[in-house]
Amino acid sequence: MDLTGAGQLIPLAQATITVTLTGVALLLIVLAIGGYWGFQQGFRNMLTVALWTIGAYILTVQGGDFAIGVINRLWQNGPALIAFLLGQDPDAAPRLDPLISPTLQIPLFFRMITFIALVFLGFFFSKTASWRGNPNPKEPLAQPLGLFVGALVVLLWSNAAVSFWREYRDAGGILVDPLERFLNTLPDVSVFIPSLITIFFLILIILVVVNFPKVWKP
């Protein structure tokens, strides 16, 4: 009996399916994960982590240039500010030299460790924050605002990782392939970060102003 052609063996090992994600698509996935996390937690429960993450990002990403610039401006304009407070002519006050050299670069390893430590402190203090609420909050805007804050926090984490990685790569460093490919694919959105942080603080200020009278109600 000829069984030739009566059946075909299906190989167990099929061709590998490769899924290629663009940087934008990968970033949207990361933001969706952060947004879902924030939506579930609510604005109150995300607030402490967000504040510490923003502080960590400003202090450590891109060599702390922003923090150094602020310190130098406060130092250089200190005499003029004191003269103004004393009712004297601020223009006559001397302008000091920068306190910290603008070319100072804080080592990458120190900045990475500082960033991670500050984020962990945010989670630690979040547990005892006075404004912390219950998960799945019932306040009308708690979950939509939590979605925004959660996405912002994860965006800051991912962009800090991209910034650190690119600096490390430019210095000749390498990573294991999956992680290296992931960081190479994620886009650098540093140019949008200041605007997003500003929006966050505007929302926070509005919430404080709107809810402040309730604090004084008997």
C-alpha atoms as a PDB file:
ATOM      1  CA  MET A   1       0.000   0.000   0.000  1.00  0.00           C
ATOM      2  CA  ASP A   2       1.479   3.273  -1.110  1.00  0.00           C
ATOM      3  CA  LEU A   3       1.209   5.937   1.530  1.00  0.00           C
ATOM      4  CA  THR A   4       3.224   8.469  -0.359  1.00  0.00           C
ATOM      5  CA  GLY A   5       1.455  11.796  -0.231  1.00  0.00           C
ATOM      6  CA  ALA A   6      -1.213  10.454   2.140  1.00  0.00           C
ATOM      7  CA  GLY A   7      -0.121  12.822   4.833  1.00  0.00           C
ATOM      8  CA  GLN A   8       2.382  15.527   5.662  1.00  0.00           C
ATOM      9  CA  LEU A   9       4.384  15.880   8.832  1.00  0.00           C
ATOM     10  CA  ILE A  10       4.021  19.337  10.409  1.00  0.00           C
ATOM     11  CA  PRO A  11       7.352  20.438  11.890  1.00  0.00           C
ATOM     12  CA  LEU A  12       7.214  21.306  15.551  1.00  0.00           C
ATOM     13  CA  ALA A  13       9.627  24.176  15.132  1.00  0.00           C
ATOM     14  CA  GLN A  14       7.878  26.913  13.201  1.00  0.00           C
ATOM     15  CA  ALA A  15       9.527  30.005  11.723  1.00  0.00           C
ATOM     16  CA  THR A  16      10.241  32.678  14.291  1.00  0.00           C
ATOM     17  CA  ILE A  17       7.760  35.557  14.246  1.00  0.00           C
ATOM     18  CA  THR A  18       9.537  38.885  14.532  1.00  0.00           C
ATOM     19  CA  VAL A  19       7.587  41.896  15.721  1.00  0.00           C
ATOM     20  CA  THR A  20       9.237  45.222  15.018  1.00  0.00           C
ATOM     21  CA  LEU A  21       8.188  48.164  17.144  1.00  0.00           C
ATOM     22  CA  THR A  22       8.967  51.734  16.250  1.00  0.00           C
ATOM     23  CA  GLY A  23      10.170  54.122  18.910  1.00  0.00           C
ATOM     24  CA  VAL A  24       6.809  55.900  19.033  1.00  0.00           C
ATOM     25  CA  ALA A  25       4.875  52.640  19.368  1.00  0.00           C
ATOM     26  CA  LEU A  26       7.156  51.438  22.162  1.00  0.00           C
ATOM     27  CA  LEU A  27       6.841  54.784  23.936  1.00  0.00           C
ATOM     28  CA  LEU A  28       3.037  54.614  23.696  1.00  0.00           C
ATOM     29  CA  ILE A  29       3.101  51.148  25.270  1.00  0.00           C
ATOM     30  CA  VAL A  30       5.253  52.446  28.135  1.00  0.00           C
ATOM     31  CA  LEU A  31       2.912  55.416  28.620  1.00  0.00           C
ATOM     32  CA  ALA A  32      -0.125  53.136  28.558  1.00  0.00           C
ATOM     33  CA  ILE A  33       1.354  50.992  31.321  1.00  0.00           C
ATOM     34  CA  GLY A  34       2.094  54.072  33.420  1.00  0.00           C
ATOM     35  CA  GLY A  35      -1.322  55.550  32.718  1.00  0.00           C
ATOM     36  CA  TYR A  36      -3.083  52.343  33.766  1.00  0.00           C
ATOM     37  CA  TRP A  37      -1.047  52.209  36.966  1.00  0.00           C
ATOM     38  CA  GLY A  38      -1.874  55.837  37.767  1.00  0.00           C
ATOM     39  CA  PHE A  39      -5.557  55.349  36.902  1.00  0.00           C
ATOM     40  CA  GLN A  40      -5.795  52.473  39.369  1.00  0.00           C
ATOM     41  CA  GLN A  41      -3.955  54.336  42.133  1.00  0.00           C
ATOM     42  CA  GLY A  42      -5.541  57.750  41.730  1.00  0.00           C
ATOM     43  CA  PHE A  43      -3.965  61.189  41.907  1.00  0.00           C
ATOM     44  CA  ARG A  44      -3.436  61.251  45.677  1.00  0.00           C
ATOM     45  CA  ASN A  45      -1.513  57.984  45.764  1.00  0.00           C
ATOM     46  CA  MET A  46       0.680  59.012  42.821  1.00  0.00           C
ATOM     47  CA  LEU A  47       1.508  62.497  44.100  1.00  0.00           C
ATOM     48  CA  THR A  48       4.466  61.699  46.380  1.00  0.00           C
ATOM     49  CA  VAL A  49       6.128  59.389  43.866  1.00  0.00           C
ATOM     50  CA  ALA A  50       5.649  62.014  41.155  1.00  0.00           C
ATOM     51  CA  LEU A  51       7.204  64.811  43.216  1.00  0.00           C
ATOM     52  CA  TRP A  52      10.251  62.738  44.123  1.00  0.00           C
ATOM     53  CA  THR A  53      10.625  61.503  40.541  1.00  0.00           C
ATOM     54  CA  ILE A  54      10.483  65.053  39.179  1.00  0.00           C
ATOM     55  CA  GLY A  55      13.075  66.140  41.721  1.00  0.00           C
ATOM     56  CA  ALA A  56      15.289  63.199  40.818  1.00  0.00           C
ATOM     57  CA  TYR A  57      14.985  63.936  37.104  1.00  0.00           C
ATOM     58  CA  ILE A  58      15.825  67.628  37.469  1.00  0.00           C
ATOM     59  CA  LEU A  59      18.795  66.956  39.741  1.00  0.00           C
ATOM     60  CA  THR A  60      20.412  64.065  37.918  1.00  0.00           C
ATOM     61  CA  VAL A  61      19.489  63.893  34.236  1.00  0.00           C
ATOM     62  CA  GLN A  62      21.814  65.667  31.797  1.00  0.00           C
ATOM     63  CA  GLY A  63      24.477  66.152  34.425  1.00  0.00           C
ATOM     64  CA  GLY A  64      22.350  68.295  36.710  1.00  0.00           C
ATOM     65  CA  ASP A  65      22.816  71.326  34.451  1.00  0.00           C
ATOM     66  CA  PHE A  66      19.435  72.715  35.432  1.00  0.00           C
ATOM     67  CA  ALA A  67      20.133  72.548  39.168  1.00  0.00           C
ATOM     68  CA  ILE A  68      23.615  74.033  38.721  1.00  0.00           C
ATOM     69  CA  GLY A  69      22.142  76.876  36.659  1.00  0.00           C
ATOM     70  CA  VAL A  70      19.508  77.669  39.289  1.00  0.00           C
ATOM     71  CA  ILE A  71      22.068  77.656  42.127  1.00  0.00           C
ATOM     72  CA  ASN A  72      24.409  79.931  40.164  1.00  0.00           C
ATOM     73  CA  ARG A  73      21.633  82.378  39.281  1.00  0.00           C
ATOM     74  CA  LEU A  74      20.482  82.598  42.901  1.00  0.00           C
ATOM     75  CA  TRP A  75      24.073  83.129  44.051  1.00  0.00           C
ATOM     76  CA  GLN A  76      24.953  85.711  41.406  1.00  0.00           C
ATOM     77  CA  ASN A  77      21.748  87.706  41.892  1.00  0.00           C
ATOM     78  CA  GLY A  78      21.813  87.396  45.691  1.00  0.00           C
ATOM     79  CA  PRO A  79      23.291  90.873  46.350  1.00  0.00           C
ATOM     80  CA  ALA A  80      20.728  92.513  44.047  1.00  0.00           C
ATOM     81  CA  LEU A  81      17.891  90.664  45.794  1.00  0.00           C
ATOM     82  CA  ILE A  82      19.157  91.722  49.230  1.00  0.00           C
ATOM     83  CA  ALA A  83      19.487  95.327  48.033  1.00  0.00           C
ATOM     84  CA  PHE A  84      15.908  95.239  46.753  1.00  0.00           C
ATOM     85  CA  LEU A  85      14.612  93.876  50.074  1.00  0.00           C
ATOM     86  CA  LEU A  86      16.496  96.620  51.922  1.00  0.00           C
ATOM     87  CA  GLY A  87      15.003  99.331  49.709  1.00  0.00           C
ATOM     88  CA  GLN A  88      18.263 100.077  47.899  1.00  0.00           C
ATOM     89  CA  ASP A  89      19.064 100.187  44.194  1.00  0.00           C
ATOM     90  CA  PRO A  90      19.477  96.604  42.945  1.00  0.00           C
ATOM     91  CA  ASP A  91      21.447  97.803  39.891  1.00  0.00           C
ATOM     92  CA  ALA A  92      24.155  99.171  42.165  1.00  0.00           C
ATOM     93  CA  ALA A  93      24.693  95.784  43.818  1.00  0.00           C
ATOM     94  CA  PRO A  94      27.671  93.737  42.591  1.00  0.00           C
ATOM     95  CA  ARG A  95      27.114  90.606  40.539  1.00  0.00           C
ATOM     96  CA  LEU A  96      28.998  87.630  41.945  1.00  0.00           C
ATOM     97  CA  ASP A  97      30.908  85.048  39.961  1.00  0.00           C
ATOM     98  CA  PRO A  98      29.217  81.640  39.512  1.00  0.00           C
ATOM     99  CA  LEU A  99      29.362  79.534  42.659  1.00  0.00           C
ATOM    100  CA  ILE A 100      29.669  76.297  40.652  1.00  0.00           C
ATOM    101  CA  SER A 101      31.535  76.014  37.372  1.00  0.00           C
ATOM    102  CA  PRO A 102      29.014  75.658  34.508  1.00  0.00           C
ATOM    103  CA  THR A 103      31.307  73.060  32.935  1.00  0.00           C
ATOM    104  CA  LEU A 104      31.126  70.783  35.984  1.00  0.00           C
ATOM    105  CA  GLN A 105      29.887  67.310  35.084  1.00  0.00           C
ATOM    106  CA  ILE A 106      28.703  65.043  37.877  1.00  0.00           C
ATOM    107  CA  PRO A 107      29.812  61.431  37.192  1.00  0.00           C
ATOM    108  CA  LEU A 108      27.232  59.292  35.414  1.00  0.00           C
ATOM    109  CA  PHE A 109      27.306  56.456  37.938  1.00  0.00           C
ATOM    110  CA  PHE A 110      26.658  58.848  40.831  1.00  0.00           C
ATOM    111  CA  ARG A 111      23.736  60.441  38.986  1.00  0.00           C
ATOM    112  CA  MET A 112      22.185  57.049  38.188  1.00  0.00           C
ATOM    113  CA  ILE A 113      22.417  55.877  41.793  1.00  0.00           C
ATOM    114  CA  THR A 114      21.040  59.193  43.034  1.00  0.00           C
ATOM    115  CA  PHE A 115      18.096  59.001  40.632  1.00  0.00           C
ATOM    116  CA  ILE A 116      17.205  55.457  41.701  1.00  0.00           C
ATOM    117  CA  ALA A 117      17.614  56.314  45.393  1.00  0.00           C
ATOM    118  CA  LEU A 118      15.359  59.364  45.152  1.00  0.00           C
ATOM    119  CA  VAL A 119      12.660  57.381  43.341  1.00  0.00           C
ATOM    120  CA  PHE A 120      12.752  54.690  46.035  1.00  0.00           C
ATOM    121  CA  LEU A 121      12.478  57.410  48.695  1.00  0.00           C
ATOM    122  CA  GLY A 122       9.369  58.604  46.882  1.00  0.00           C
ATOM    123  CA  PHE A 123       7.782  55.170  47.261  1.00  0.00           C
ATOM    124  CA  PHE A 124       8.885  55.010  50.898  1.00  0.00           C
ATOM    125  CA  PHE A 125       7.379  58.363  51.896  1.00  0.00           C
ATOM    126  CA  SER A 126       4.288  57.738  49.789  1.00  0.00           C
ATOM    127  CA  LYS A 127       3.147  55.130  52.303  1.00  0.00           C
ATOM    128  CA  THR A 128       2.857  57.710  55.092  1.00  0.00           C
ATOM    129  CA  ALA A 129       1.870  60.808  53.095  1.00  0.00           C
ATOM    130  CA  SER A 130      -0.968  62.764  54.704  1.00  0.00           C
ATOM    131  CA  TRP A 131      -2.805  63.141  51.383  1.00  0.00           C
ATOM    132  CA  ARG A 132      -2.660  59.434  50.533  1.00  0.00           C
ATOM    133  CA  GLY A 133      -6.044  57.840  49.825  1.00  0.00           C
ATOM    134  CA  ASN A 134      -7.418  54.401  49.099  1.00  0.00           C
ATOM    135  CA  PRO A 135      -6.825  52.587  45.795  1.00  0.00           C
ATOM    136  CA  ASN A 136      -9.646  52.923  43.255  1.00  0.00           C
ATOM    137  CA  PRO A 137     -10.679  56.348  44.606  1.00  0.00           C
ATOM    138  CA  LYS A 138     -14.222  57.671  44.204  1.00  0.00           C
ATOM    139  CA  GLU A 139     -13.298  61.347  43.704  1.00  0.00           C
ATOM    140  CA  PRO A 140     -14.430  62.529  40.244  1.00  0.00           C
ATOM    141  CA  LEU A 141     -11.019  63.614  38.916  1.00  0.00           C
ATOM    142  CA  ALA A 142      -8.817  61.275  40.942  1.00  0.00           C
ATOM    143  CA  GLN A 143      -8.482  58.566  38.307  1.00  0.00           C
ATOM    144  CA  PRO A 144      -8.173  60.778  35.164  1.00  0.00           C
ATOM    145  CA  LEU A 145      -5.517  62.903  36.876  1.00  0.00           C
ATOM    146  CA  GLY A 146      -3.891  59.734  38.188  1.00  0.00           C
ATOM    147  CA  LEU A 147      -3.693  58.482  34.614  1.00  0.00           C
ATOM    148  CA  PHE A 148      -1.794  61.619  33.566  1.00  0.00           C
ATOM    149  CA  VAL A 149       0.542  61.511  36.565  1.00  0.00           C
ATOM    150  CA  GLY A 150       1.209  57.787  36.177  1.00  0.00           C
ATOM    151  CA  ALA A 151       2.115  58.268  32.516  1.00  0.00           C
ATOM    152  CA  LEU A 152       4.316  61.237  33.426  1.00  0.00           C
ATOM    153  CA  VAL A 153       6.183  59.293  36.122  1.00  0.00           C
ATOM    154  CA  VAL A 154       6.898  56.344  33.832  1.00  0.00           C
ATOM    155  CA  LEU A 155       7.886  58.744  31.041  1.00  0.00           C
ATOM    156  CA  LEU A 156      10.436  60.373  33.350  1.00  0.00           C
ATOM    157  CA  TRP A 157      11.811  56.978  34.329  1.00  0.00           C
ATOM    158  CA  SER A 158      12.128  55.824  30.725  1.00  0.00           C
ATOM    159  CA  ASN A 159      13.609  59.079  29.474  1.00  0.00           C
ATOM    160  CA  ALA A 160      16.122  59.142  32.334  1.00  0.00           C
ATOM    161  CA  ALA A 161      17.130  55.601  31.354  1.00  0.00           C
ATOM    162  CA  VAL A 162      17.513  56.671  27.716  1.00  0.00           C
ATOM    163  CA  SER A 163      19.574  59.702  28.696  1.00  0.00           C
ATOM    164  CA  PHE A 164      21.851  57.685  30.982  1.00  0.00           C
ATOM    165  CA  TRP A 165      22.214  54.921  28.392  1.00  0.00           C
ATOM    166  CA  ARG A 166      23.190  57.276  25.564  1.00  0.00           C
ATOM    167  CA  GLU A 167      25.814  58.932  27.721  1.00  0.00           C
ATOM    168  CA  TYR A 168      27.123  55.520  28.775  1.00  0.00           C
ATOM    169  CA  ARG A 169      27.113  54.285  25.155  1.00  0.00           C
ATOM    170  CA  ASP A 170      28.967  57.361  23.936  1.00  0.00           C
ATOM    171  CA  ALA A 171      31.650  56.590  26.524  1.00  0.00           C
ATOM    172  CA  GLY A 172      32.058  53.105  25.030  1.00  0.00           C
ATOM    173  CA  GLY A 173      29.736  51.143  27.311  1.00  0.00           C
ATOM    174  CA  ILE A 174      27.621  48.189  26.183  1.00  0.00           C
ATOM    175  CA  LEU A 175      24.630  46.294  27.602  1.00  0.00           C
ATOM    176  CA  VAL A 176      23.016  42.898  27.023  1.00  0.00           C
ATOM    177  CA  ASP A 177      21.155  42.765  23.728  1.00  0.00           C
ATOM    178  CA  PRO A 178      17.455  42.921  24.746  1.00  0.00           C
ATOM    179  CA  LEU A 179      17.981  45.857  27.099  1.00  0.00           C
ATOM    180  CA  GLU A 180      20.289  47.645  24.685  1.00  0.00           C
ATOM    181  CA  ARG A 181      17.798  47.238  21.839  1.00  0.00           C
ATOM    182  CA  PHE A 182      14.971  48.475  24.052  1.00  0.00           C
ATOM    183  CA  LEU A 183      16.859  51.632  25.078  1.00  0.00           C
ATOM    184  CA  ASN A 184      18.023  52.277  21.518  1.00  0.00           C
ATOM    185  CA  THR A 185      14.437  52.076  20.277  1.00  0.00           C
ATOM    186  CA  LEU A 186      12.913  54.412  22.850  1.00  0.00           C
ATOM    187  CA  PRO A 187      12.969  58.023  21.603  1.00  0.00           C
ATOM    188  CA  ASP A 188      14.509  60.844  23.603  1.00  0.00           C
ATOM    189  CA  VAL A 189      11.662  63.196  24.549  1.00  0.00           C
ATOM    190  CA  SER A 190      13.692  65.524  26.782  1.00  0.00           C
ATOM    191  CA  VAL A 191      12.435  68.551  24.862  1.00  0.00           C
ATOM    192  CA  PHE A 192       8.853  67.876  26.041  1.00  0.00           C
ATOM    193  CA  ILE A 193       9.670  67.132  29.683  1.00  0.00           C
ATOM    194  CA  PRO A 194       9.766  70.765  30.989  1.00  0.00           C
ATOM    195  CA  SER A 195       6.311  71.468  29.509  1.00  0.00           C
ATOM    196  CA  LEU A 196       4.838  68.300  31.017  1.00  0.00           C
ATOM    197  CA  ILE A 197       6.330  69.078  34.425  1.00  0.00           C
ATOM    198  CA  THR A 198       4.903  72.604  34.194  1.00  0.00           C
ATOM    199  CA  ILE A 199       1.451  71.200  33.399  1.00  0.00           C
ATOM    200  CA  PHE A 200       1.730  68.880  36.406  1.00  0.00           C
ATOM    201  CA  PHE A 201       2.503  71.739  38.776  1.00  0.00           C
ATOM    202  CA  LEU A 202      -0.241  73.914  37.282  1.00  0.00           C
ATOM    203  CA  ILE A 203      -2.730  71.108  37.972  1.00  0.00           C
ATOM    204  CA  LEU A 204      -1.364  70.748  41.501  1.00  0.00           C
ATOM    205  CA  ILE A 205      -1.636  74.509  42.163  1.00  0.00           C
ATOM    206  CA  ILE A 206      -5.212  74.608  40.850  1.00  0.00           C
ATOM    207  CA  LEU A 207      -6.202  71.673  43.067  1.00  0.00           C
ATOM    208  CA  VAL A 208      -4.617  73.314  46.111  1.00  0.00           C
ATOM    209  CA  VAL A 209      -6.355  76.648  45.436  1.00  0.00           C
ATOM    210  CA  VAL A 210      -9.733  75.002  44.825  1.00  0.00           C
ATOM    211  CA  ASN A 211      -9.560  72.743  47.872  1.00  0.00           C
ATOM    212  CA  PHE A 212      -7.834  75.150  50.270  1.00  0.00           C
ATOM    213  CA  PRO A 213     -11.082  76.771  51.541  1.00  0.00           C
ATOM    214  CA  LYS A 214     -12.400  73.331  52.495  1.00  0.00           C
ATOM    215  CA  VAL A 215      -9.541  72.962  54.981  1.00  0.00           C
ATOM    216  CA  TRP A 216     -10.816  75.899  57.024  1.00  0.00           C
ATOM    217  CA  LYS A 217     -14.422  74.803  57.126  1.00  0.00           C
ATOM    218  CA  PRO A 218     -15.585  74.061  60.695  1.00  0.00           C
END
